[in-house]
Protein backbone atom coordinates (compact mmCIF):
# COMPACT_ATOMS: atom_id res chain seq x y z
CA MET A 1 -7.32 -58.62 70.54
CA ASN A 2 -10.63 -60.35 71.44
CA ASP A 3 -13.38 -58.17 69.98
CA ILE A 4 -16.17 -60.20 71.60
CA PHE A 5 -14.58 -59.81 75.03
CA ASP A 6 -14.11 -56.09 74.40
CA LEU A 7 -17.77 -55.77 73.45
CA GLN A 8 -18.88 -57.65 76.56
CA MET A 9 -16.75 -55.36 78.70
CA ARG A 10 -18.47 -52.35 77.17
CA LEU A 11 -21.87 -53.80 77.98
CA ASN A 12 -21.34 -54.38 81.71
CA ARG A 13 -23.12 -52.14 84.18
CA ARG A 14 -20.08 -50.18 85.32
CA ASN A 15 -18.91 -49.39 81.80
CA PHE A 16 -22.42 -48.47 80.66
CA PHE A 17 -22.80 -45.82 83.34
CA GLY A 18 -19.11 -44.85 83.09
CA SER A 19 -19.40 -44.05 79.40
CA ASN A 20 -23.03 -43.38 78.59
CA GLY A 21 -23.62 -41.69 81.92
CA LEU A 22 -20.93 -39.21 81.09
CA ARG A 23 -22.49 -38.71 77.67
CA PHE A 24 -25.89 -38.05 79.20
CA GLY A 25 -24.25 -35.59 81.58
CA GLY A 26 -22.57 -33.89 78.63
CA LEU A 27 -25.91 -33.77 76.82
CA THR A 28 -27.56 -32.17 79.84
CA ALA A 29 -24.70 -29.67 80.18
CA GLY A 30 -24.99 -28.91 76.49
CA LEU A 31 -28.73 -28.28 76.77
CA LEU A 32 -28.19 -26.00 79.73
CA ALA A 33 -25.35 -24.21 77.96
CA THR A 34 -27.58 -23.40 75.02
CA GLN A 35 -29.68 -21.30 77.35
CA LEU A 36 -26.79 -18.85 77.62
CA PRO A 37 -27.45 -15.79 75.42
CA PHE A 38 -24.16 -16.02 73.56
CA ALA A 39 -24.44 -19.80 73.09
CA LYS A 40 -27.97 -19.38 71.69
CA ALA A 41 -26.67 -16.92 69.10
CA ILE A 42 -24.28 -19.47 67.62
CA ALA A 43 -26.31 -22.66 68.11
CA ASN A 44 -27.79 -22.72 64.60
CA GLU A 45 -24.46 -21.89 63.03
CA ASN A 46 -22.76 -24.76 64.88
CA ALA A 47 -25.21 -27.27 63.43
CA THR A 48 -23.61 -26.86 59.98
CA GLN A 49 -19.97 -26.64 61.09
CA VAL A 50 -17.52 -29.44 60.31
CA HIS A 51 -15.49 -28.36 63.37
CA PRO A 52 -18.16 -27.18 65.84
CA PRO A 53 -17.22 -25.72 69.25
CA LEU A 54 -18.07 -27.39 72.52
CA ALA A 55 -21.53 -26.58 73.84
CA GLY A 56 -21.36 -23.30 75.74
CA TYR A 57 -18.09 -22.17 74.13
CA PRO A 58 -16.76 -19.58 73.91
CA HIS A 59 -17.49 -18.61 77.50
CA PHE A 60 -17.85 -14.95 76.54
CA GLN A 61 -17.58 -12.75 73.48
CA PRO A 62 -14.05 -13.24 72.13
CA LYS A 63 -11.81 -10.43 70.92
CA ALA A 64 -9.91 -12.78 68.61
CA LYS A 65 -11.37 -15.43 66.30
CA SER A 66 -8.03 -16.88 65.16
CA ILE A 67 -4.46 -17.06 66.38
CA ILE A 68 -1.17 -17.10 64.48
CA TYR A 69 1.58 -18.34 66.79
CA LEU A 70 5.14 -17.55 65.64
CA HIS A 71 7.52 -19.79 67.60
CA MET A 72 11.23 -19.01 67.28
CA ASN A 73 12.65 -22.41 68.19
CA GLY A 74 15.98 -22.45 70.01
CA GLY A 75 15.63 -19.52 72.41
CA PRO A 76 16.19 -16.06 70.86
CA SER A 77 18.52 -13.79 72.80
CA GLN A 78 16.33 -11.20 74.51
CA ILE A 79 19.36 -8.92 74.97
CA ASP A 80 19.94 -8.84 71.22
CA THR A 81 16.28 -8.52 70.19
CA TRP A 82 13.88 -6.72 72.55
CA ASP A 83 15.40 -6.12 76.02
CA TYR A 84 17.53 -2.99 75.56
CA LYS A 85 20.36 -2.76 78.14
CA PRO A 86 22.67 0.19 77.40
CA VAL A 87 24.41 -0.05 80.79
CA LEU A 88 26.02 -3.31 79.73
CA GLN A 89 28.56 -1.40 77.62
CA GLU A 90 30.25 -0.37 80.88
CA TYR A 91 30.61 -4.02 81.90
CA TYR A 92 32.15 -5.40 78.71
CA ASP A 93 34.36 -8.43 79.54
CA LYS A 94 33.86 -7.96 83.29
CA ASP A 95 32.62 -10.94 85.26
CA LEU A 96 28.91 -11.11 85.98
CA PRO A 97 28.57 -10.08 89.65
CA PRO A 98 27.77 -13.07 91.91
CA SER A 99 24.98 -10.97 93.46
CA VAL A 100 23.28 -10.91 90.05
CA GLN A 101 23.89 -14.56 89.24
CA GLY A 102 22.53 -15.46 92.66
CA GLY A 103 23.42 -19.13 92.51
CA GLN A 104 20.98 -19.85 89.69
CA ARG A 105 21.46 -23.17 87.95
CA LEU A 106 23.57 -23.20 84.79
CA SER A 107 23.44 -25.57 81.89
CA THR A 108 26.24 -28.11 81.53
CA MET A 109 27.51 -26.13 78.56
CA THR A 110 28.78 -23.25 80.72
CA SER A 111 28.81 -24.61 84.28
CA GLY A 112 32.49 -25.49 83.82
CA GLN A 113 33.59 -22.02 82.69
CA THR A 114 36.09 -20.30 84.98
CA ARG A 115 34.77 -16.88 83.98
CA PHE A 116 31.36 -15.43 83.07
CA PRO A 117 32.29 -12.29 81.09
CA VAL A 118 29.46 -9.86 80.31
CA ALA A 119 28.75 -9.57 76.58
CA PRO A 120 26.83 -6.39 75.64
CA SER A 121 24.77 -6.55 72.47
CA LYS A 122 26.64 -5.20 69.46
CA PHE A 123 23.43 -4.06 67.80
CA LYS A 124 21.90 -0.59 67.61
CA TYR A 125 18.64 0.23 69.38
CA GLU A 126 16.39 3.23 68.75
CA GLN A 127 13.04 4.38 70.08
CA LYS A 128 10.47 3.74 67.37
CA GLY A 129 6.79 4.41 66.80
CA ALA A 130 4.53 6.85 68.59
CA CYS A 131 4.96 4.67 71.69
CA GLY A 132 8.75 5.15 71.72
CA MET A 133 9.49 1.44 72.13
CA TRP A 134 13.21 0.62 72.20
CA THR A 135 13.76 -1.57 69.15
CA ASN A 136 16.77 -3.26 67.57
CA VAL A 137 16.85 -1.40 64.27
CA ASP A 138 19.78 -3.43 62.94
CA LEU A 139 17.92 -6.74 63.18
CA PHE A 140 14.32 -5.49 62.90
CA PRO A 141 14.20 -2.60 60.41
CA TYR A 142 10.72 -3.69 59.27
CA LEU A 143 9.26 -4.73 62.62
CA SER A 144 10.37 -1.37 64.03
CA GLU A 145 7.71 0.18 61.76
CA VAL A 146 4.84 -1.70 63.46
CA VAL A 147 5.74 -1.52 67.16
CA ASP A 148 2.64 0.59 67.83
CA ASP A 149 0.64 -2.60 67.23
CA ILE A 150 2.77 -4.74 69.55
CA ALA A 151 2.47 -5.41 73.29
CA LEU A 152 5.98 -6.40 74.37
CA VAL A 153 6.44 -8.54 77.50
CA ARG A 154 10.02 -8.40 78.80
CA SER A 155 9.45 -10.49 81.93
CA VAL A 156 8.36 -13.91 80.68
CA ASN A 157 9.82 -16.81 82.65
CA THR A 158 9.80 -20.58 82.41
CA ASN A 159 11.02 -23.61 84.37
CA ALA A 160 13.09 -25.67 81.95
CA ILE A 161 16.67 -24.89 80.98
CA ASN A 162 16.95 -27.41 78.11
CA HIS A 163 15.20 -27.24 74.74
CA ASP A 164 12.97 -30.31 74.72
CA PRO A 165 11.20 -29.76 78.05
CA ALA A 166 11.15 -25.98 77.50
CA CYS A 167 9.50 -26.31 74.08
CA THR A 168 7.07 -28.88 75.44
CA PHE A 169 6.22 -26.47 78.27
CA VAL A 170 5.68 -23.42 76.08
CA MET A 171 3.46 -25.36 73.66
CA THR A 172 1.51 -27.58 76.07
CA GLY A 173 1.71 -25.80 79.45
CA SER A 174 3.65 -28.73 80.91
CA GLU A 175 7.18 -30.13 80.68
CA ILE A 176 5.75 -33.66 80.69
CA PRO A 177 5.15 -35.07 77.19
CA GLY A 178 1.69 -36.34 76.35
CA LYS A 179 -0.34 -33.20 77.05
CA PRO A 180 -2.28 -31.47 74.25
CA SER A 181 -0.70 -28.52 72.46
CA ILE A 182 -2.28 -25.09 72.76
CA GLY A 183 -3.49 -25.36 69.17
CA SER A 184 -5.25 -28.65 69.92
CA TRP A 185 -6.84 -27.18 73.05
CA LEU A 186 -8.24 -24.27 71.03
CA ALA A 187 -9.47 -26.55 68.25
CA TYR A 188 -11.15 -28.72 70.90
CA GLY A 189 -12.94 -25.85 72.62
CA LEU A 190 -13.71 -23.54 69.72
CA GLY A 191 -13.69 -25.70 66.61
CA SER A 192 -13.23 -23.73 63.41
CA GLU A 193 -15.26 -21.63 61.01
CA SER A 194 -13.69 -23.34 58.01
CA ASN A 195 -15.41 -26.45 56.67
CA ASP A 196 -12.80 -27.23 54.01
CA LEU A 197 -9.58 -26.91 56.01
CA PRO A 198 -8.33 -28.28 59.34
CA ALA A 199 -8.99 -26.28 62.49
CA PHE A 200 -5.26 -26.30 63.33
CA VAL A 201 -2.51 -25.94 60.69
CA VAL A 202 1.26 -26.03 61.23
CA PHE A 203 4.24 -24.83 59.19
CA THR A 204 7.89 -25.68 59.83
CA PRO A 205 9.60 -23.31 57.36
CA LYS A 206 13.18 -23.48 56.19
CA PHE A 207 15.90 -21.80 58.25
CA PRO A 208 19.52 -20.77 57.51
CA GLU A 209 21.61 -23.82 56.68
CA ASP A 210 24.49 -22.96 59.01
CA SER A 211 22.29 -22.23 62.03
CA ASN A 212 22.05 -24.52 65.04
CA GLY A 213 18.65 -26.05 64.38
CA GLN A 214 17.15 -27.99 67.26
CA ALA A 215 14.91 -30.96 66.56
CA LEU A 216 11.18 -30.32 66.39
CA PHE A 217 8.90 -32.90 67.95
CA SER A 218 5.36 -33.45 66.73
CA ARG A 219 4.15 -33.23 70.34
CA MET A 220 4.38 -29.46 69.89
CA TRP A 221 1.26 -29.66 67.70
CA ALA A 222 -0.16 -32.98 68.90
CA SER A 223 -3.49 -33.53 70.62
CA GLY A 224 -2.13 -35.53 73.57
CA PHE A 225 -5.02 -37.14 75.43
CA LEU A 226 -7.61 -35.22 73.38
CA PRO A 227 -9.10 -36.93 70.29
CA THR A 228 -6.52 -37.31 67.53
CA ARG A 229 -8.68 -35.37 65.06
CA LEU A 230 -7.40 -32.30 66.97
CA ASN A 231 -3.77 -32.87 65.95
CA GLY A 232 -2.26 -30.00 64.00
CA VAL A 233 -2.00 -30.72 60.27
CA ALA A 234 1.52 -29.91 59.07
CA LEU A 235 1.69 -28.49 55.55
CA ARG A 236 4.95 -29.29 53.77
CA GLY A 237 7.04 -26.63 52.11
CA SER A 238 8.02 -28.65 49.04
CA GLY A 239 6.23 -31.13 46.82
CA ASP A 240 2.66 -31.91 47.78
CA PRO A 241 1.66 -29.79 50.80
CA VAL A 242 -0.02 -32.91 52.26
CA LEU A 243 1.36 -36.32 51.31
CA TYR A 244 -0.98 -38.69 49.47
CA LEU A 245 -3.75 -36.10 49.32
CA PRO A 246 -4.16 -36.06 45.50
CA ASN A 247 -5.95 -38.97 43.88
CA PRO A 248 -3.64 -41.48 42.19
CA SER A 249 -3.64 -41.72 38.43
CA GLY A 250 -6.81 -43.34 37.12
CA VAL A 251 -8.95 -42.48 40.16
CA SER A 252 -11.51 -39.74 39.54
CA ARG A 253 -13.04 -37.51 42.19
CA ASP A 254 -16.37 -39.38 41.76
CA ASP A 255 -14.56 -42.69 42.30
CA ARG A 256 -13.01 -41.32 45.48
CA ARG A 257 -16.40 -40.07 46.70
CA LEU A 258 -18.01 -43.49 46.14
CA MET A 259 -15.15 -45.26 47.93
CA LEU A 260 -15.37 -42.89 50.91
CA ASP A 261 -19.14 -43.23 51.18
CA THR A 262 -18.82 -47.00 51.33
CA LEU A 263 -15.98 -46.81 53.84
CA GLN A 264 -17.89 -44.32 55.98
CA ALA A 265 -20.86 -46.70 56.16
CA LEU A 266 -18.57 -49.47 57.42
CA ASN A 267 -16.95 -47.16 59.96
CA ARG A 268 -20.29 -45.89 61.22
CA GLY A 269 -21.38 -49.47 61.76
CA ALA A 270 -18.24 -50.13 63.81
CA GLN A 271 -18.76 -46.89 65.70
CA SER A 272 -22.35 -47.76 66.67
CA GLU A 273 -21.27 -51.23 67.80
CA PHE A 274 -18.08 -50.48 69.71
CA GLY A 275 -18.22 -46.76 70.48
CA ASP A 276 -14.50 -46.20 69.82
CA PRO A 277 -13.88 -42.42 69.55
CA GLU A 278 -10.98 -43.05 67.19
CA THR A 279 -13.47 -44.46 64.67
CA SER A 280 -15.24 -41.10 64.74
CA THR A 281 -11.87 -39.46 64.15
CA ARG A 282 -11.25 -41.73 61.17
CA ILE A 283 -14.62 -40.83 59.68
CA SER A 284 -14.08 -37.09 60.04
CA GLN A 285 -10.47 -37.17 58.82
CA TYR A 286 -11.31 -39.08 55.64
CA GLU A 287 -14.00 -36.53 54.91
CA MET A 288 -11.66 -33.60 55.64
CA ALA A 289 -9.00 -35.08 53.34
CA PHE A 290 -11.58 -35.22 50.53
CA ARG A 291 -12.46 -31.57 51.07
CA MET A 292 -8.77 -30.61 51.22
CA GLN A 293 -8.21 -32.04 47.75
CA SER A 294 -9.87 -28.85 46.50
CA SER A 295 -9.10 -26.34 49.26
CA VAL A 296 -5.34 -26.93 49.68
CA PRO A 297 -4.31 -26.32 46.03
CA GLU A 298 -6.36 -23.12 46.08
CA LEU A 299 -4.77 -22.10 49.39
CA THR A 300 -1.18 -22.64 48.30
CA ASN A 301 -1.60 -20.83 44.97
CA ILE A 302 -0.35 -17.28 45.57
CA ASP A 303 -0.69 -16.11 41.96
CA SER A 304 -3.92 -14.32 42.85
CA GLU A 305 -2.09 -12.05 45.30
CA THR A 306 -1.27 -8.56 44.06
CA ALA A 307 2.30 -7.68 43.15
CA GLU A 308 2.26 -5.09 45.94
CA THR A 309 1.32 -7.75 48.51
CA LEU A 310 4.02 -10.16 47.37
CA GLU A 311 6.61 -7.37 47.41
CA MET A 312 5.58 -6.47 50.96
CA TYR A 313 6.42 -9.98 52.20
CA GLY A 314 9.80 -9.92 50.46
CA PRO A 315 11.47 -11.85 47.63
CA ALA A 316 11.45 -15.18 49.53
CA VAL A 317 7.63 -15.24 49.42
CA ARG A 318 7.81 -17.02 46.06
CA ASP A 319 9.94 -19.79 47.56
CA PRO A 320 7.62 -22.52 48.90
CA GLY A 321 8.71 -23.56 52.38
CA SER A 322 10.30 -20.21 53.23
CA PHE A 323 9.20 -18.29 56.29
CA ALA A 324 7.82 -15.52 54.06
CA HIS A 325 5.75 -17.98 52.03
CA SER A 326 4.44 -19.59 55.24
CA ALA A 327 3.53 -16.17 56.70
CA LEU A 328 1.48 -15.32 53.62
CA LEU A 329 -0.30 -18.68 53.79
CA ALA A 330 -0.99 -18.03 57.48
CA ARG A 331 -2.89 -14.90 56.50
CA LYS A 332 -4.81 -16.83 53.85
CA LEU A 333 -5.71 -19.52 56.39
CA VAL A 334 -7.18 -17.16 59.00
CA GLU A 335 -8.94 -15.36 56.16
CA ARG A 336 -10.65 -18.68 55.43
CA GLY A 337 -11.70 -19.25 59.02
CA VAL A 338 -8.96 -21.58 60.30
CA ARG A 339 -8.75 -21.25 64.09
CA VAL A 340 -5.04 -21.84 64.79
CA VAL A 341 -1.96 -21.41 62.59
CA GLN A 342 1.47 -22.16 63.97
CA LEU A 343 4.84 -21.30 62.40
CA LEU A 344 7.89 -22.92 64.01
CA HIS A 345 11.14 -21.36 62.80
CA ARG A 346 14.29 -23.24 63.81
CA GLY A 347 17.89 -22.07 64.23
CA TRP A 348 17.73 -19.65 67.19
CA ASP A 349 20.10 -21.63 69.46
CA GLN A 350 23.22 -19.45 69.26
CA HIS A 351 25.86 -20.70 71.71
CA GLY A 352 28.56 -19.15 69.53
CA ASP A 353 28.86 -16.82 66.55
CA LEU A 354 25.64 -15.18 67.74
CA PRO A 355 25.79 -11.82 65.93
CA ARG A 356 26.14 -13.40 62.50
CA GLN A 357 23.70 -16.25 63.09
CA ILE A 358 20.95 -14.18 64.70
CA GLY A 359 21.36 -11.70 61.86
CA ASN A 360 20.63 -14.47 59.35
CA GLN A 361 17.62 -15.62 61.38
CA CYS A 362 16.15 -12.12 61.54
CA LYS A 363 16.64 -11.55 57.81
CA GLN A 364 14.26 -14.44 57.23
CA ILE A 365 11.52 -13.35 59.66
CA ASP A 366 11.65 -9.54 60.04
CA GLN A 367 10.09 -8.38 56.77
CA PRO A 368 7.50 -11.21 56.54
CA ILE A 369 6.22 -10.72 60.11
CA ALA A 370 5.93 -6.96 59.66
CA ALA A 371 4.13 -7.60 56.36
CA LEU A 372 1.81 -10.09 58.04
CA LEU A 373 0.75 -7.52 60.63
CA LYS A 374 0.27 -4.83 58.00
CA ASP A 375 -1.59 -7.21 55.68
CA LEU A 376 -3.95 -8.36 58.42
CA LYS A 377 -4.55 -4.78 59.49
CA ARG A 378 -5.39 -3.39 56.06
CA ARG A 379 -7.83 -6.26 55.45
CA GLY A 380 -9.58 -5.66 58.75
CA LEU A 381 -8.35 -9.01 60.10
CA LEU A 382 -5.92 -7.85 62.79
CA ASN A 383 -8.73 -6.82 65.12
CA ASP A 384 -9.88 -10.42 65.40
CA THR A 385 -6.59 -12.27 64.81
CA LEU A 386 -4.18 -12.70 67.72
CA VAL A 387 -0.50 -12.84 66.71
CA VAL A 388 2.02 -14.21 69.23
CA TRP A 389 5.84 -14.17 68.90
CA GLY A 390 8.34 -15.87 71.19
CA GLY A 391 10.70 -18.75 71.94
CA GLU A 392 11.07 -21.29 74.73
CA PHE A 393 13.53 -19.35 76.94
CA GLY A 394 16.07 -16.54 76.79
CA ARG A 395 19.86 -16.38 76.83
CA THR A 396 22.56 -15.38 79.28
CA VAL A 397 24.15 -11.95 79.49
CA TYR A 398 27.54 -13.58 79.87
CA SER A 399 29.38 -15.04 76.90
CA GLN A 400 29.70 -18.73 76.27
CA GLY A 401 33.19 -19.38 74.98
CA GLY A 402 35.29 -16.60 73.50
CA LEU A 403 34.29 -12.94 73.63
CA SER A 404 35.07 -9.97 71.43
CA LYS A 405 33.20 -6.75 70.68
CA ASP A 406 31.78 -8.28 67.50
CA ASN A 407 31.48 -11.94 68.39
CA TYR A 408 30.10 -13.90 71.31
CA GLY A 409 27.71 -16.70 72.20
CA ARG A 410 25.07 -17.05 74.89
CA ASP A 411 23.84 -20.01 76.93
CA HIS A 412 20.24 -20.88 77.85
CA HIS A 413 18.50 -18.66 80.40
CA PRO A 414 14.97 -19.56 81.56
CA ARG A 415 14.74 -16.85 84.24
CA ASN A 416 13.58 -14.13 81.84
CA PHE A 417 12.97 -13.62 78.14
CA CYS A 418 10.76 -11.63 75.78
CA MET A 419 7.53 -12.37 73.94
CA TRP A 420 5.10 -10.08 72.20
CA MET A 421 1.45 -10.17 71.19
CA ALA A 422 -0.54 -8.12 68.70
CA GLY A 423 -4.03 -7.95 67.28
CA GLY A 424 -7.29 -9.27 68.69
CA GLY A 425 -7.86 -7.98 72.21
CA ILE A 426 -4.30 -6.66 72.72
CA LYS A 427 -3.27 -3.10 73.55
CA GLY A 428 -0.56 -2.14 71.07
CA GLY A 429 2.44 0.11 71.69
CA ILE A 430 3.13 -0.96 75.29
CA SER A 431 5.98 -2.66 77.12
CA TYR A 432 5.25 -4.72 80.21
CA GLY A 433 7.62 -6.10 82.85
CA GLU A 434 11.17 -5.11 83.69
CA THR A 435 14.45 -6.89 84.20
CA ASP A 436 17.64 -5.78 85.95
CA ASP A 437 20.47 -3.98 84.15
CA PHE A 438 21.92 -7.36 83.12
CA SER A 439 18.68 -8.85 81.78
CA TYR A 440 19.30 -11.69 84.23
CA ASN A 441 16.52 -11.29 86.79
CA ILE A 442 12.98 -9.95 86.71
CA VAL A 443 12.51 -6.90 88.92
CA LYS A 444 8.91 -6.02 88.07
CA ASP A 445 5.75 -7.80 86.85
CA PRO A 446 6.85 -11.41 86.20
CA VAL A 447 4.81 -13.34 83.66
CA ASN A 448 4.85 -17.13 83.61
CA ILE A 449 4.41 -19.03 80.34
CA ASN A 450 1.04 -20.23 81.58
CA ASP A 451 0.03 -16.63 82.31
CA ILE A 452 0.65 -16.05 78.60
CA ASN A 453 -1.48 -19.10 77.80
CA ALA A 454 -4.27 -17.87 80.10
CA THR A 455 -4.16 -14.50 78.31
CA ILE A 456 -4.33 -16.16 74.88
CA LEU A 457 -7.37 -18.19 75.96
CA HIS A 458 -9.01 -15.03 77.35
CA CYS A 459 -8.56 -13.21 74.04
CA MET A 460 -10.19 -16.21 72.34
CA GLY A 461 -13.20 -16.04 74.68
CA ILE A 462 -12.22 -18.84 77.08
CA ASP A 463 -11.93 -18.75 80.88
CA HIS A 464 -8.82 -20.88 81.43
CA GLU A 465 -9.97 -22.04 84.88
CA ARG A 466 -13.18 -23.50 83.42
CA PHE A 467 -11.51 -25.05 80.37
CA ALA A 468 -10.73 -28.63 81.38
CA TYR A 469 -10.74 -32.23 80.16
CA LYS A 470 -10.94 -35.15 82.57
CA PHE A 471 -8.01 -37.53 82.12
CA GLN A 472 -6.38 -39.94 84.57
CA GLY A 473 -8.75 -38.77 87.28
CA LEU A 474 -7.79 -35.11 86.96
CA ASP A 475 -9.45 -32.07 85.43
CA GLN A 476 -6.57 -31.35 83.07
CA ARG A 477 -6.06 -27.75 81.95
CA LEU A 478 -3.71 -26.05 79.50
CA THR A 479 -2.65 -23.69 82.27
CA GLY A 480 -2.03 -26.49 84.78
CA VAL A 481 -3.10 -26.83 88.40
CA GLU A 482 -1.11 -23.92 89.83
CA LYS A 483 -2.67 -20.47 90.04
CA GLN A 484 -2.22 -18.52 86.81
CA ARG A 485 -3.62 -15.18 85.77
CA VAL A 486 -4.75 -13.32 82.69
CA VAL A 487 -2.29 -10.45 82.14
CA THR A 488 -5.00 -7.83 81.98
CA GLU A 489 -2.46 -5.06 81.54
CA LEU A 490 -1.95 -6.29 77.96
CA LEU A 491 -5.61 -6.16 77.03
CA ALA A 492 -7.15 -3.39 74.95
């Protein structure tokens, strides 16, 4: 690398107006944005924030200040969780009618099957709550107690039929790797109210050892083409929550402060000379790491929680790295002003032995998620915390491999699946969208993944059509270039 040549390139006329011109335009836009009534109200507050929002953001008064996104990685079976289909009992072991299958593409795992026998769910459903929502009481005995807070969407659909592109799509709004995750988008636009913790925190809790755990890729919480300071910070479940965060033996906190101050001065000199945005990221991340040396140990210490709270989350809450422990920390994070918390729970890819495996998965998440909703609600946090639950696609009504009344598997099915939302800005106790009797096709009110993303942004005070970042000559958006809509029917 020739630093002199790079500097000369930055000083030519085209680059000056290409970079500084855009900065002046951003400055002008920022000055104009501060004339907005809502922007004026938060201008002074932003001046002291470590993670300030963009000028003029949020676009309007948000209903939710934070989001906790619960991603069930692998594709939970909607038929065995939230999409109750009692008629299927009449079709047990009968072939799925061709009129229902409709020539839809199949994955290579079942495209060679000679039969597509219908596999009804073996689990018991009951109407629960004042809303009467049909709920799987075998798998969700605890969640069935909080359905009046949930807005269930039965008609979510996606494009991808395989895990990697489907997960990339649900988390970034695009199947193409390299785009920012939804958490990074929110951290970019809204910043965070916490000065001592990252704006975007990620957990990848433990899952049952005999489940089919798909690989997780860091692109699901990466910043893509946005500045790298907006990457999600993954907290580990065992050992140090963040590697190399504590000072080594013999280095005091004052020593670390002196070293960082000297390093920051060098970095600021490089930043003023070369204007590399990654230098700014380095400066801010060193400073955040110093702050986290105090805030993370306090965060991960659950001894201050009451015995009643710990009991509510279940016995696994005392096991660092468990889903229950991560759910409790998620509450503590939003309580401290963190903008985005993401929990990615693996093991939901049940091509065989589904009843046993999905039972093990639900044992890990049912009680903690119900406790999380109750805990947020009693602390007055649910009104301004958006909670989202879902996977990357659904599963087929027909069995993959062998079929019996008590055992079956299901292949991937992107055409329809279930997600739910609760909390800030969401109308609880409702079900939206309908599928056919086989849970194979949507018959009413389809909702695309990017409609879900547009709705999330709306609850957070952002107009998804105005939320863009110029990259490769395009105004890139989380919700893409196709027309998407806010699902207003879900809003309180």
